[in-house]
């Protein structure tokens, strides 16, 4: 699976076996970075409001997680451009 975002705040998930769109999500804010954790259980989406939104990495839905976003206020005052995951998660 490959995830991309575009200027219309859409996130497209491609099946890399045939390069067809598997799922498309209209995101409510500007998307700056997308990343799965190592076991693909969580998809992290950094937005222009300085938040990291958490999605279920398998079904690509936000509603199945207890905490749908990480607020970075006080630590991160502006939009989040990119982030990285430690190899140990």
Foldseek 3Di string as FASTA:
>chain_A
DDWDADPQQKIFDADVVVRDTPDIDRDPFAWQEWDAAPVQQWIWTFGFQRKTAIAGRPVGHQVVDPDGIDHCPPNDHGGDNYDDDDNVD
